[in-house]
N, C-alpha and C. Protein backbone atom coordinates (compact mmCIF):
# COMPACT_ATOMS: atom_id res chain seq x y z
N MET A 1 -4.66 -8.98 13.30
CA MET A 1 -4.37 -8.29 14.52
C MET A 1 -4.43 -6.77 14.33
N ILE A 2 -3.90 -6.29 13.28
CA ILE A 2 -3.88 -4.85 12.98
C ILE A 2 -5.39 -4.40 12.79
N LEU A 3 -6.12 -5.14 12.02
CA LEU A 3 -7.49 -4.75 11.77
C LEU A 3 -8.38 -4.71 13.02
N ALA A 4 -8.13 -5.68 13.89
CA ALA A 4 -8.90 -5.81 15.08
C ALA A 4 -8.49 -4.74 16.19
N ASN A 5 -7.32 -4.19 16.02
CA ASN A 5 -6.78 -3.27 17.03
C ASN A 5 -6.42 -1.91 16.49
N ILE A 6 -7.02 -1.55 15.44
CA ILE A 6 -6.60 -0.32 14.75
C ILE A 6 -6.68 0.91 15.70
N GLN A 7 -7.67 0.99 16.58
CA GLN A 7 -7.70 2.12 17.44
C GLN A 7 -6.66 2.11 18.50
N LEU A 8 -6.30 0.92 18.91
CA LEU A 8 -5.28 0.77 19.95
C LEU A 8 -3.86 1.16 19.44
N ILE A 9 -3.64 0.77 18.16
CA ILE A 9 -2.30 1.05 17.65
C ILE A 9 -2.16 2.40 16.95
N SER A 10 -3.26 3.06 16.74
CA SER A 10 -3.20 4.39 16.01
C SER A 10 -2.31 5.39 16.59
N PRO A 11 -2.14 5.51 17.94
CA PRO A 11 -1.11 6.46 18.49
C PRO A 11 0.28 6.17 18.02
N TYR A 12 0.61 4.87 17.70
CA TYR A 12 1.97 4.55 17.36
C TYR A 12 2.25 4.62 15.81
N LEU A 13 1.17 4.81 15.06
CA LEU A 13 1.36 4.80 13.62
C LEU A 13 2.11 6.00 13.11
N HIS A 14 2.17 7.01 13.84
CA HIS A 14 2.88 8.23 13.38
C HIS A 14 4.37 8.04 13.49
N SER A 15 4.80 6.96 14.16
CA SER A 15 6.25 6.68 14.20
C SER A 15 6.76 6.26 12.79
N THR A 16 7.58 7.02 12.22
CA THR A 16 8.18 6.72 10.92
C THR A 16 8.87 5.38 10.97
N LYS A 17 9.55 5.10 12.08
CA LYS A 17 10.30 3.85 12.28
C LYS A 17 9.38 2.66 12.17
N ILE A 18 8.26 2.74 12.80
CA ILE A 18 7.30 1.57 12.79
C ILE A 18 6.75 1.34 11.38
N MET A 19 6.36 2.40 10.72
CA MET A 19 5.78 2.32 9.40
C MET A 19 6.82 1.84 8.37
N LYS A 20 8.02 2.38 8.58
CA LYS A 20 9.10 2.05 7.60
C LYS A 20 9.41 0.56 7.82
N ALA A 21 9.48 0.10 9.11
CA ALA A 21 9.78 -1.39 9.36
C ALA A 21 8.68 -2.22 8.78
N PHE A 22 7.48 -1.88 9.00
CA PHE A 22 6.37 -2.68 8.50
C PHE A 22 6.45 -2.79 6.98
N LEU A 23 6.59 -1.61 6.27
CA LEU A 23 6.63 -1.58 4.81
C LEU A 23 7.91 -2.29 4.27
N SER A 24 8.99 -2.31 5.03
CA SER A 24 10.15 -2.93 4.52
C SER A 24 10.07 -4.44 4.36
N HIS A 25 9.07 -4.99 4.91
CA HIS A 25 8.87 -6.46 4.82
C HIS A 25 7.85 -6.80 3.79
N LEU A 26 7.44 -5.79 3.03
CA LEU A 26 6.41 -5.97 1.99
C LEU A 26 7.05 -5.61 0.60
N PRO A 27 6.54 -6.14 -0.42
CA PRO A 27 5.50 -7.09 -0.53
C PRO A 27 5.88 -8.50 -0.09
N LEU A 28 4.98 -9.30 0.42
CA LEU A 28 5.28 -10.58 0.91
C LEU A 28 5.71 -11.43 -0.28
N GLN A 29 6.75 -12.24 -0.02
CA GLN A 29 7.30 -13.11 -1.11
C GLN A 29 6.94 -14.52 -0.85
N GLU A 30 6.88 -14.94 0.48
CA GLU A 30 6.78 -16.33 0.76
C GLU A 30 5.45 -16.77 1.36
N ASP A 31 4.85 -15.98 2.23
CA ASP A 31 3.61 -16.41 2.89
C ASP A 31 2.39 -15.89 2.14
N ARG A 32 2.08 -16.53 1.04
CA ARG A 32 0.97 -16.13 0.25
C ARG A 32 -0.39 -16.22 0.97
N GLU A 33 -0.49 -17.09 1.85
CA GLU A 33 -1.74 -17.26 2.61
C GLU A 33 -2.07 -16.01 3.41
N GLU A 34 -1.10 -15.36 3.89
CA GLU A 34 -1.29 -14.16 4.71
C GLU A 34 -1.40 -12.86 3.87
N SER A 35 -1.16 -12.92 2.59
CA SER A 35 -0.98 -11.66 1.84
C SER A 35 -2.27 -10.90 1.83
N THR A 36 -3.43 -11.52 1.71
CA THR A 36 -4.64 -10.79 1.67
C THR A 36 -4.93 -10.10 3.08
N VAL A 37 -4.67 -10.73 4.05
CA VAL A 37 -4.81 -10.11 5.45
C VAL A 37 -3.95 -9.01 5.62
N VAL A 38 -2.70 -9.13 5.25
CA VAL A 38 -1.68 -8.04 5.39
C VAL A 38 -2.03 -6.83 4.53
N TYR A 39 -2.43 -7.09 3.27
CA TYR A 39 -2.75 -6.03 2.44
C TYR A 39 -4.09 -5.31 2.78
N ARG A 40 -5.06 -6.12 3.31
CA ARG A 40 -6.24 -5.47 3.85
C ARG A 40 -5.98 -4.62 5.07
N SER A 41 -4.97 -5.02 5.86
CA SER A 41 -4.55 -4.22 6.99
C SER A 41 -4.00 -2.92 6.48
N LEU A 42 -3.20 -2.98 5.47
CA LEU A 42 -2.64 -1.74 4.91
C LEU A 42 -3.75 -0.75 4.40
N LEU A 43 -4.74 -1.39 3.75
CA LEU A 43 -5.81 -0.56 3.26
C LEU A 43 -6.56 0.05 4.39
N SER A 44 -6.78 -0.73 5.50
CA SER A 44 -7.49 -0.16 6.68
C SER A 44 -6.67 0.92 7.32
N LEU A 45 -5.32 0.77 7.39
CA LEU A 45 -4.44 1.75 7.90
C LEU A 45 -4.59 3.08 7.05
N TRP A 46 -4.69 2.97 5.76
CA TRP A 46 -4.78 4.11 4.88
C TRP A 46 -6.12 4.80 5.19
N ARG A 47 -7.16 4.02 5.32
CA ARG A 47 -8.54 4.64 5.53
C ARG A 47 -8.57 5.40 6.94
N TYR A 48 -7.91 4.77 7.90
CA TYR A 48 -8.02 5.24 9.28
C TYR A 48 -7.01 6.48 9.49
N GLN A 49 -5.86 6.36 8.89
CA GLN A 49 -4.80 7.37 9.17
C GLN A 49 -3.77 7.24 8.05
N PRO A 50 -4.02 8.00 6.93
CA PRO A 50 -3.08 7.94 5.80
C PRO A 50 -1.71 8.61 6.01
N GLU A 51 -1.62 9.54 6.93
CA GLU A 51 -0.39 10.39 7.02
C GLU A 51 0.89 9.49 7.20
N PRO A 52 0.91 8.47 8.05
CA PRO A 52 2.16 7.66 8.15
C PRO A 52 2.52 6.96 6.85
N LEU A 53 1.53 6.53 6.11
CA LEU A 53 1.77 5.91 4.83
C LEU A 53 2.21 6.87 3.75
N LEU A 54 1.81 8.13 3.86
CA LEU A 54 2.23 9.17 2.93
C LEU A 54 3.75 9.43 3.12
N GLN A 55 4.15 9.36 4.35
CA GLN A 55 5.54 9.61 4.68
C GLN A 55 6.41 8.54 4.01
N GLU A 56 5.86 7.38 3.71
CA GLU A 56 6.56 6.29 3.08
C GLU A 56 6.04 6.00 1.71
N LEU A 57 5.52 6.98 1.04
CA LEU A 57 4.79 6.81 -0.22
C LEU A 57 5.56 6.00 -1.27
N PRO A 58 6.86 6.14 -1.51
CA PRO A 58 7.48 5.38 -2.51
C PRO A 58 7.35 3.83 -2.29
N GLN A 59 7.66 3.42 -1.02
CA GLN A 59 7.50 1.98 -0.70
C GLN A 59 6.06 1.53 -0.75
N PHE A 60 5.18 2.41 -0.23
CA PHE A 60 3.70 2.08 -0.23
C PHE A 60 3.21 1.88 -1.71
N ILE A 61 3.62 2.74 -2.55
CA ILE A 61 3.20 2.56 -4.04
C ILE A 61 3.76 1.34 -4.57
N ARG A 62 5.00 0.98 -4.26
CA ARG A 62 5.60 -0.20 -4.80
C ARG A 62 4.84 -1.47 -4.31
N VAL A 63 4.36 -1.45 -3.03
CA VAL A 63 3.60 -2.53 -2.55
C VAL A 63 2.24 -2.56 -3.29
N ILE A 64 1.61 -1.49 -3.47
CA ILE A 64 0.35 -1.44 -4.19
C ILE A 64 0.52 -2.00 -5.58
N VAL A 65 1.55 -1.67 -6.27
CA VAL A 65 1.83 -2.11 -7.63
C VAL A 65 1.98 -3.65 -7.55
N HIS A 66 2.70 -4.09 -6.61
CA HIS A 66 2.95 -5.58 -6.47
C HIS A 66 1.61 -6.25 -6.27
N VAL A 67 0.73 -5.75 -5.38
CA VAL A 67 -0.57 -6.36 -5.11
C VAL A 67 -1.38 -6.37 -6.38
N ILE A 68 -1.38 -5.38 -7.14
CA ILE A 68 -2.13 -5.31 -8.40
C ILE A 68 -1.76 -6.54 -9.29
N GLY A 69 -0.46 -6.77 -9.30
CA GLY A 69 0.03 -7.87 -10.22
C GLY A 69 0.00 -9.23 -9.52
N ASP A 70 -0.42 -9.33 -8.29
CA ASP A 70 -0.39 -10.58 -7.54
C ASP A 70 -1.61 -11.42 -7.83
N GLU A 71 -1.35 -12.57 -8.41
CA GLU A 71 -2.42 -13.48 -8.73
C GLU A 71 -3.07 -14.15 -7.52
N PHE A 72 -2.35 -14.18 -6.39
CA PHE A 72 -2.86 -14.74 -5.20
C PHE A 72 -3.84 -13.91 -4.36
N VAL A 73 -3.94 -12.70 -4.74
CA VAL A 73 -4.89 -11.72 -4.09
C VAL A 73 -6.14 -11.80 -4.80
N ASP A 74 -7.28 -11.91 -4.09
CA ASP A 74 -8.58 -12.14 -4.73
C ASP A 74 -9.01 -10.90 -5.55
N SER A 75 -9.79 -11.15 -6.57
CA SER A 75 -10.13 -10.10 -7.50
C SER A 75 -10.93 -8.91 -6.87
N GLN A 76 -11.75 -9.27 -5.84
CA GLN A 76 -12.50 -8.24 -5.17
C GLN A 76 -11.58 -7.19 -4.52
N PHE A 77 -10.47 -7.72 -3.89
CA PHE A 77 -9.53 -6.89 -3.21
C PHE A 77 -8.71 -6.04 -4.26
N HIS A 78 -8.43 -6.67 -5.43
CA HIS A 78 -7.84 -5.90 -6.52
C HIS A 78 -8.58 -4.62 -6.83
N VAL A 79 -9.88 -4.68 -6.87
CA VAL A 79 -10.68 -3.48 -7.13
C VAL A 79 -10.43 -2.45 -6.02
N SER A 80 -10.37 -2.86 -4.85
CA SER A 80 -10.18 -1.88 -3.72
C SER A 80 -8.78 -1.23 -3.81
N ILE A 81 -7.76 -2.11 -4.09
CA ILE A 81 -6.40 -1.53 -4.13
C ILE A 81 -6.19 -0.68 -5.39
N ILE A 82 -6.89 -0.95 -6.45
CA ILE A 82 -6.84 -0.13 -7.67
C ILE A 82 -7.48 1.20 -7.34
N PHE A 83 -8.65 1.21 -6.70
CA PHE A 83 -9.32 2.40 -6.25
C PHE A 83 -8.42 3.23 -5.34
N LEU A 84 -7.66 2.58 -4.45
CA LEU A 84 -6.76 3.30 -3.57
C LEU A 84 -5.64 4.01 -4.36
N LEU A 85 -5.10 3.29 -5.38
CA LEU A 85 -4.09 3.87 -6.22
C LEU A 85 -4.63 5.06 -6.99
N GLN A 86 -5.79 4.99 -7.46
CA GLN A 86 -6.40 6.12 -8.17
C GLN A 86 -6.67 7.30 -7.21
N THR A 87 -7.08 6.94 -6.01
CA THR A 87 -7.32 8.04 -5.01
C THR A 87 -6.02 8.71 -4.70
N ILE A 88 -4.97 8.01 -4.47
CA ILE A 88 -3.67 8.59 -4.14
C ILE A 88 -3.23 9.44 -5.34
N SER A 89 -3.36 8.97 -6.54
CA SER A 89 -2.91 9.69 -7.72
C SER A 89 -3.64 10.99 -7.92
N THR A 90 -4.90 11.03 -7.47
CA THR A 90 -5.74 12.20 -7.58
C THR A 90 -5.55 13.20 -6.51
N GLN A 91 -5.59 12.71 -5.27
CA GLN A 91 -5.55 13.54 -4.09
C GLN A 91 -4.12 14.06 -3.76
N TYR A 92 -3.16 13.24 -4.16
CA TYR A 92 -1.76 13.58 -3.89
C TYR A 92 -0.94 13.53 -5.18
N SER A 93 -1.41 14.31 -6.18
CA SER A 93 -0.90 14.11 -7.47
C SER A 93 0.52 14.49 -7.64
N ILE A 94 1.04 15.47 -6.95
CA ILE A 94 2.43 15.87 -7.04
C ILE A 94 3.30 14.83 -6.49
N GLN A 95 3.03 14.32 -5.35
CA GLN A 95 3.78 13.30 -4.65
C GLN A 95 3.72 11.99 -5.43
N PHE A 96 2.47 11.70 -5.99
CA PHE A 96 2.36 10.50 -6.70
C PHE A 96 3.27 10.56 -8.03
N ARG A 97 3.21 11.68 -8.72
CA ARG A 97 4.04 11.81 -9.94
C ARG A 97 5.54 11.65 -9.69
N SER A 98 5.90 12.18 -8.53
CA SER A 98 7.37 11.98 -8.14
C SER A 98 7.68 10.55 -7.94
N VAL A 99 6.86 9.86 -7.26
CA VAL A 99 7.02 8.35 -7.01
C VAL A 99 6.95 7.64 -8.32
N PHE A 100 6.01 7.94 -9.18
CA PHE A 100 5.79 7.28 -10.40
C PHE A 100 7.11 7.38 -11.24
N GLU A 101 7.74 8.48 -11.25
CA GLU A 101 8.97 8.64 -12.05
C GLU A 101 10.15 7.85 -11.52
N MET A 102 10.10 7.44 -10.21
CA MET A 102 11.13 6.66 -9.62
C MET A 102 10.97 5.16 -9.91
N LEU A 103 9.76 4.79 -10.27
CA LEU A 103 9.46 3.33 -10.52
C LEU A 103 10.11 2.82 -11.82
N ASP A 104 10.39 1.47 -11.78
CA ASP A 104 10.94 0.91 -13.06
C ASP A 104 9.83 0.85 -14.10
N GLU A 105 10.24 0.59 -15.31
CA GLU A 105 9.28 0.55 -16.45
C GLU A 105 8.14 -0.45 -16.24
N ASP A 106 8.41 -1.62 -15.68
CA ASP A 106 7.35 -2.55 -15.56
C ASP A 106 6.32 -2.05 -14.55
N GLN A 107 6.84 -1.47 -13.45
CA GLN A 107 5.93 -0.93 -12.44
C GLN A 107 5.05 0.23 -13.02
N GLN A 108 5.65 1.07 -13.78
CA GLN A 108 4.97 2.16 -14.44
C GLN A 108 3.86 1.62 -15.39
N ASN A 109 4.22 0.59 -16.05
CA ASN A 109 3.24 -0.02 -16.99
C ASN A 109 2.05 -0.62 -16.25
N ILE A 110 2.26 -1.26 -15.11
CA ILE A 110 1.16 -1.78 -14.32
C ILE A 110 0.19 -0.66 -13.91
N ILE A 111 0.83 0.51 -13.47
CA ILE A 111 -0.04 1.62 -13.07
C ILE A 111 -0.78 2.20 -14.25
N THR A 112 -0.06 2.36 -15.37
CA THR A 112 -0.71 2.93 -16.57
C THR A 112 -1.83 2.09 -17.11
N ASN A 113 -1.75 0.72 -16.92
CA ASN A 113 -2.72 -0.14 -17.45
C ASN A 113 -3.91 -0.37 -16.56
N VAL A 114 -4.02 0.21 -15.33
CA VAL A 114 -5.18 0.00 -14.52
C VAL A 114 -6.21 1.10 -14.66
């Protein structure tokens, strides 16, 4: 639904409450069948309008790290999500570094090893 209606919902994406609520339900723990769709939606949101996700960068990075380690997400999507992580770490290096330091050791190791 998000992917099909990205232009319709874009005016609402700047709402911190909406993005915070969306990200608060991630990473998915139970509905593995929907995980790829949800994570592809996040990737599309980033491509279309990254600012709202940057406002929630700590949670967004935690979701990305989870996706990298999620065996239920297809390998082709892993490549895309790793590229996104590298893009964020390069283009927003100061913010990324700050978030990286807040992560636990396992999460930092996942990032370091990609």
